[in-house]
Amino acid sequence: VQLQASGGGLVQVGGSLRLSCVASGDRFRDSSVGWYRQAPGRVREWVTTFAIGGASNYADSVKGRFTISRDNAKNTAYLQMNNLKPEDTAVYYCRLFKFHVWGQGTQVTVSS
């Protein structure tokens, strides 16, 4: 299984972006999926997870602003990011937990 993340870019404070993460093969539906991010000089941190059963969890820093979703028919996970803040600037990575697979990362930059 391989993951391809996209959708990052440059946005102003308060703006929105939607990230996508497409998985190859047909095993996407067998795993929980999550998003992480890594800001310059900082360790990679967990952002959100969408479990197989449908439950989702969020880091406190993004709760109420970010929404994770998935479309198993398209082998795709999404991260809708609203009301973006400068501290959201990072490279965002998707992950399939069961297969220990990471996407390549997509840069999100929020300008003030």
N, C-alpha and C. Protein backbone atom coordinates (compact mmCIF):
# COMPACT_ATOMS: atom_id res chain seq x y z
N VAL A 1 0.85 -1.19 0.00
CA VAL A 1 0.00 0.00 0.00
C VAL A 1 0.88 1.24 0.00
N GLN A 2 0.54 2.19 -0.84
CA GLN A 2 1.25 3.49 -0.86
C GLN A 2 0.22 4.60 -0.73
N LEU A 3 0.66 5.72 -0.17
CA LEU A 3 -0.22 6.86 0.05
C LEU A 3 0.31 8.08 -0.69
N GLN A 4 -0.60 8.84 -1.27
CA GLN A 4 -0.25 10.06 -1.97
C GLN A 4 -1.08 11.20 -1.40
N ALA A 5 -0.40 12.12 -0.73
CA ALA A 5 -1.10 13.26 -0.13
C ALA A 5 -1.01 14.47 -1.04
N SER A 6 -2.04 15.30 -1.02
CA SER A 6 -2.06 16.51 -1.83
C SER A 6 -3.01 17.52 -1.20
N GLY A 7 -3.01 18.73 -1.76
CA GLY A 7 -3.96 19.74 -1.34
C GLY A 7 -3.37 20.86 -0.50
N GLY A 8 -2.11 20.75 -0.15
CA GLY A 8 -1.49 21.81 0.63
C GLY A 8 -1.30 23.07 -0.19
N GLY A 9 -0.89 24.12 0.49
CA GLY A 9 -0.66 25.37 -0.20
C GLY A 9 -0.49 26.52 0.78
N LEU A 10 -0.52 27.72 0.23
CA LEU A 10 -0.38 28.95 1.01
C LEU A 10 -1.76 29.58 1.19
N VAL A 11 -2.11 29.88 2.43
CA VAL A 11 -3.43 30.45 2.72
C VAL A 11 -3.28 31.51 3.81
N GLN A 12 -4.17 32.46 3.81
CA GLN A 12 -4.13 33.49 4.83
C GLN A 12 -4.82 33.01 6.10
N VAL A 13 -4.50 33.69 7.19
CA VAL A 13 -5.14 33.38 8.47
C VAL A 13 -6.66 33.43 8.31
N GLY A 14 -7.30 32.41 8.86
CA GLY A 14 -8.75 32.32 8.77
C GLY A 14 -9.25 31.58 7.54
N GLY A 15 -8.34 31.26 6.66
CA GLY A 15 -8.72 30.55 5.43
C GLY A 15 -8.90 29.07 5.64
N SER A 16 -9.17 28.37 4.53
CA SER A 16 -9.44 26.94 4.58
C SER A 16 -8.65 26.20 3.50
N LEU A 17 -8.38 24.96 3.78
CA LEU A 17 -7.77 24.04 2.81
C LEU A 17 -8.36 22.67 3.04
N ARG A 18 -8.38 21.88 1.99
CA ARG A 18 -8.75 20.47 2.13
C ARG A 18 -7.63 19.60 1.59
N LEU A 19 -7.09 18.77 2.45
CA LEU A 19 -6.06 17.84 2.06
C LEU A 19 -6.69 16.51 1.66
N SER A 20 -6.04 15.83 0.72
CA SER A 20 -6.49 14.50 0.30
C SER A 20 -5.34 13.52 0.44
N CYS A 21 -5.71 12.29 0.68
CA CYS A 21 -4.72 11.21 0.80
C CYS A 21 -5.29 9.99 0.11
N VAL A 22 -4.68 9.64 -1.02
CA VAL A 22 -5.17 8.52 -1.83
C VAL A 22 -4.28 7.31 -1.62
N ALA A 23 -4.90 6.17 -1.38
CA ALA A 23 -4.16 4.94 -1.17
C ALA A 23 -4.22 4.06 -2.41
N SER A 24 -3.11 3.40 -2.70
CA SER A 24 -3.08 2.45 -3.79
C SER A 24 -3.64 1.12 -3.31
N GLY A 25 -4.00 0.27 -4.23
CA GLY A 25 -4.50 -1.05 -3.87
C GLY A 25 -5.92 -1.03 -3.35
N ASP A 26 -6.29 -2.11 -2.68
CA ASP A 26 -7.68 -2.23 -2.23
C ASP A 26 -7.78 -2.55 -0.75
N ARG A 27 -6.74 -2.13 0.03
CA ARG A 27 -6.76 -2.44 1.45
C ARG A 27 -7.07 -1.23 2.32
N PHE A 28 -7.38 -0.11 1.68
CA PHE A 28 -7.60 1.13 2.43
C PHE A 28 -8.67 0.96 3.50
N ARG A 29 -9.74 0.27 3.16
CA ARG A 29 -10.87 0.15 4.06
C ARG A 29 -10.55 -0.72 5.29
N ASP A 30 -9.41 -1.42 5.26
CA ASP A 30 -9.05 -2.34 6.35
C ASP A 30 -8.29 -1.65 7.48
N SER A 31 -8.08 -0.37 7.36
CA SER A 31 -7.22 0.31 8.34
C SER A 31 -7.79 1.64 8.78
N SER A 32 -7.52 1.96 10.04
CA SER A 32 -7.76 3.33 10.48
C SER A 32 -6.77 4.24 9.75
N VAL A 33 -7.17 5.49 9.57
CA VAL A 33 -6.33 6.44 8.86
C VAL A 33 -6.17 7.69 9.71
N GLY A 34 -5.02 8.30 9.63
CA GLY A 34 -4.80 9.49 10.43
C GLY A 34 -3.97 10.52 9.70
N TRP A 35 -3.95 11.70 10.28
CA TRP A 35 -3.10 12.79 9.79
C TRP A 35 -2.18 13.24 10.93
N TYR A 36 -0.96 13.52 10.55
CA TYR A 36 0.04 14.08 11.45
C TYR A 36 0.60 15.34 10.79
N ARG A 37 1.34 16.10 11.55
CA ARG A 37 2.01 17.27 10.98
C ARG A 37 3.34 17.51 11.67
N GLN A 38 4.23 18.15 10.93
CA GLN A 38 5.55 18.46 11.47
C GLN A 38 5.93 19.87 11.05
N ALA A 39 6.07 20.72 12.05
CA ALA A 39 6.51 22.09 11.82
C ALA A 39 8.03 22.13 11.86
N PRO A 40 8.64 23.14 11.24
CA PRO A 40 10.11 23.25 11.24
C PRO A 40 10.68 23.25 12.66
N GLY A 41 11.67 22.40 12.89
CA GLY A 41 12.32 22.33 14.19
C GLY A 41 11.54 21.62 15.27
N ARG A 42 10.43 21.01 14.90
CA ARG A 42 9.59 20.34 15.90
C ARG A 42 9.38 18.89 15.51
N VAL A 43 9.00 18.08 16.49
CA VAL A 43 8.73 16.67 16.21
C VAL A 43 7.37 16.54 15.53
N ARG A 44 7.20 15.45 14.82
CA ARG A 44 5.93 15.18 14.17
C ARG A 44 4.87 14.94 15.24
N GLU A 45 3.71 15.54 15.06
CA GLU A 45 2.66 15.40 16.05
C GLU A 45 1.38 14.87 15.40
N TRP A 46 0.65 14.12 16.17
CA TRP A 46 -0.62 13.57 15.74
C TRP A 46 -1.66 14.68 15.67
N VAL A 47 -2.49 14.64 14.63
CA VAL A 47 -3.55 15.62 14.45
C VAL A 47 -4.93 15.00 14.63
N THR A 48 -5.17 13.89 13.91
CA THR A 48 -6.51 13.30 13.95
C THR A 48 -6.48 11.88 13.42
N THR A 49 -7.45 11.09 13.82
CA THR A 49 -7.62 9.72 13.36
C THR A 49 -9.08 9.45 13.04
N PHE A 50 -9.29 8.70 11.97
CA PHE A 50 -10.62 8.20 11.61
C PHE A 50 -10.54 6.69 11.66
N ALA A 51 -11.22 6.10 12.62
CA ALA A 51 -11.15 4.65 12.80
C ALA A 51 -12.03 3.92 11.79
N ILE A 52 -11.79 2.63 11.66
CA ILE A 52 -12.58 1.81 10.75
C ILE A 52 -14.05 1.88 11.11
N GLY A 53 -14.34 1.87 12.40
CA GLY A 53 -15.73 1.89 12.85
C GLY A 53 -16.43 3.21 12.71
N GLY A 54 -15.68 4.27 12.34
CA GLY A 54 -16.30 5.56 12.11
C GLY A 54 -16.01 6.62 13.14
N ALA A 55 -15.39 6.22 14.25
CA ALA A 55 -15.09 7.21 15.29
C ALA A 55 -13.90 8.06 14.86
N SER A 56 -13.94 9.33 15.22
CA SER A 56 -12.82 10.22 14.92
C SER A 56 -12.39 10.94 16.19
N ASN A 57 -11.11 11.22 16.25
CA ASN A 57 -10.53 11.91 17.39
C ASN A 57 -9.61 13.01 16.87
N TYR A 58 -9.48 14.06 17.68
CA TYR A 58 -8.70 15.22 17.26
C TYR A 58 -7.80 15.70 18.39
N ALA A 59 -6.66 16.23 18.00
CA ALA A 59 -5.81 16.94 18.95
C ALA A 59 -6.56 18.19 19.41
N ASP A 60 -6.32 18.57 20.63
CA ASP A 60 -7.02 19.74 21.18
C ASP A 60 -6.76 21.00 20.34
N SER A 61 -5.58 21.08 19.76
CA SER A 61 -5.20 22.28 19.02
C SER A 61 -6.01 22.48 17.74
N VAL A 62 -6.65 21.43 17.24
CA VAL A 62 -7.40 21.54 15.98
C VAL A 62 -8.89 21.24 16.16
N LYS A 63 -9.27 20.83 17.34
CA LYS A 63 -10.66 20.44 17.58
C LYS A 63 -11.59 21.61 17.29
N GLY A 64 -12.64 21.33 16.53
CA GLY A 64 -13.60 22.37 16.16
C GLY A 64 -13.24 23.11 14.90
N ARG A 65 -12.03 22.91 14.39
CA ARG A 65 -11.59 23.60 13.17
C ARG A 65 -11.30 22.61 12.04
N PHE A 66 -10.79 21.44 12.38
CA PHE A 66 -10.43 20.43 11.38
C PHE A 66 -11.45 19.29 11.42
N THR A 67 -11.68 18.70 10.25
CA THR A 67 -12.57 17.55 10.14
C THR A 67 -11.94 16.50 9.24
N ILE A 68 -11.83 15.30 9.77
CA ILE A 68 -11.32 14.19 8.98
C ILE A 68 -12.50 13.39 8.44
N SER A 69 -12.34 12.89 7.24
CA SER A 69 -13.36 12.03 6.65
C SER A 69 -12.67 11.03 5.73
N ARG A 70 -13.42 10.04 5.28
CA ARG A 70 -12.86 9.06 4.38
C ARG A 70 -13.93 8.57 3.42
N ASP A 71 -13.48 8.20 2.23
CA ASP A 71 -14.36 7.62 1.22
C ASP A 71 -13.71 6.31 0.80
N ASN A 72 -14.19 5.22 1.35
CA ASN A 72 -13.56 3.92 1.06
C ASN A 72 -13.70 3.53 -0.40
N ALA A 73 -14.74 3.97 -1.04
CA ALA A 73 -14.94 3.64 -2.46
C ALA A 73 -13.86 4.28 -3.32
N LYS A 74 -13.32 5.41 -2.85
CA LYS A 74 -12.28 6.12 -3.59
C LYS A 74 -10.89 5.92 -2.97
N ASN A 75 -10.82 5.08 -1.93
CA ASN A 75 -9.54 4.85 -1.24
C ASN A 75 -8.90 6.16 -0.81
N THR A 76 -9.70 7.07 -0.33
CA THR A 76 -9.22 8.42 -0.04
C THR A 76 -9.67 8.89 1.33
N ALA A 77 -8.74 9.54 2.02
CA ALA A 77 -9.04 10.24 3.26
C ALA A 77 -8.88 11.73 3.01
N TYR A 78 -9.65 12.51 3.76
CA TYR A 78 -9.62 13.95 3.60
C TYR A 78 -9.39 14.62 4.95
N LEU A 79 -8.81 15.80 4.89
CA LEU A 79 -8.70 16.62 6.08
C LEU A 79 -9.15 18.03 5.70
N GLN A 80 -10.33 18.39 6.15
CA GLN A 80 -10.85 19.74 5.92
C GLN A 80 -10.35 20.62 7.06
N MET A 81 -9.66 21.67 6.70
CA MET A 81 -9.06 22.57 7.69
C MET A 81 -9.66 23.96 7.53
N ASN A 82 -10.34 24.41 8.55
CA ASN A 82 -10.98 25.73 8.53
C ASN A 82 -10.37 26.63 9.59
N ASN A 83 -10.59 27.92 9.43
CA ASN A 83 -10.09 28.91 10.41
C ASN A 83 -8.61 28.66 10.71
N LEU A 84 -7.82 28.57 9.67
CA LEU A 84 -6.41 28.24 9.83
C LEU A 84 -5.65 29.35 10.54
N LYS A 85 -4.67 28.92 11.32
CA LYS A 85 -3.86 29.83 12.12
C LYS A 85 -2.39 29.67 11.72
N PRO A 86 -1.55 30.66 12.00
CA PRO A 86 -0.12 30.52 11.65
C PRO A 86 0.51 29.28 12.28
N GLU A 87 0.08 28.90 13.46
CA GLU A 87 0.65 27.72 14.12
C GLU A 87 0.24 26.40 13.46
N ASP A 88 -0.64 26.47 12.47
CA ASP A 88 -0.98 25.27 11.70
C ASP A 88 0.02 25.03 10.57
N THR A 89 0.92 25.96 10.36
CA THR A 89 1.93 25.81 9.32
C THR A 89 2.80 24.59 9.61
N ALA A 90 2.86 23.67 8.65
CA ALA A 90 3.60 22.42 8.83
C ALA A 90 3.50 21.60 7.55
N VAL A 91 4.29 20.55 7.52
CA VAL A 91 4.09 19.52 6.51
C VAL A 91 3.12 18.50 7.09
N TYR A 92 2.09 18.20 6.35
CA TYR A 92 1.05 17.29 6.81
C TYR A 92 1.22 15.92 6.15
N TYR A 93 1.15 14.89 6.98
CA TYR A 93 1.33 13.51 6.52
C TYR A 93 0.11 12.69 6.86
N CYS A 94 -0.29 11.83 5.95
CA CYS A 94 -1.34 10.87 6.26
C CYS A 94 -0.69 9.52 6.57
N ARG A 95 -1.45 8.70 7.28
CA ARG A 95 -0.91 7.41 7.71
C ARG A 95 -2.00 6.37 7.75
N LEU A 96 -1.67 5.19 7.27
CA LEU A 96 -2.53 4.01 7.44
C LEU A 96 -1.91 3.18 8.55
N PHE A 97 -2.59 3.08 9.66
CA PHE A 97 -1.97 2.50 10.84
C PHE A 97 -1.72 1.00 10.71
N LYS A 98 -2.63 0.27 10.15
CA LYS A 98 -2.49 -1.19 10.09
C LYS A 98 -1.27 -1.59 9.27
N PHE A 99 -0.96 -0.80 8.24
CA PHE A 99 0.12 -1.17 7.33
C PHE A 99 1.39 -0.36 7.57
N HIS A 100 1.37 0.48 8.60
CA HIS A 100 2.55 1.29 8.96
C HIS A 100 3.06 2.08 7.77
N VAL A 101 2.14 2.68 7.04
CA VAL A 101 2.50 3.40 5.83
C VAL A 101 2.25 4.89 6.02
N TRP A 102 3.22 5.70 5.54
CA TRP A 102 3.08 7.15 5.56
C TRP A 102 2.97 7.69 4.13
N GLY A 103 2.23 8.76 3.98
CA GLY A 103 2.25 9.50 2.73
C GLY A 103 3.50 10.37 2.69
N GLN A 104 3.74 11.03 1.58
CA GLN A 104 4.98 11.78 1.39
C GLN A 104 4.94 13.17 1.99
N GLY A 105 3.77 13.64 2.41
CA GLY A 105 3.69 14.95 3.03
C GLY A 105 3.28 16.03 2.06
N THR A 106 2.51 16.98 2.55
CA THR A 106 2.10 18.13 1.75
C THR A 106 2.21 19.37 2.63
N GLN A 107 2.80 20.41 2.08
CA GLN A 107 3.11 21.60 2.87
C GLN A 107 1.88 22.51 2.98
N VAL A 108 1.61 22.92 4.21
CA VAL A 108 0.57 23.91 4.48
C VAL A 108 1.24 25.11 5.14
N THR A 109 1.05 26.28 4.54
CA THR A 109 1.62 27.50 5.09
C THR A 109 0.50 28.52 5.30
N VAL A 110 0.40 29.01 6.53
CA VAL A 110 -0.64 29.98 6.87
C VAL A 110 0.05 31.31 7.15
N SER A 111 -0.26 32.31 6.35
CA SER A 111 0.39 33.61 6.49
C SER A 111 -0.49 34.56 7.30
N SER A 112 0.16 35.38 8.11
CA SER A 112 -0.57 36.33 8.95
C SER A 112 -0.55 37.72 8.34
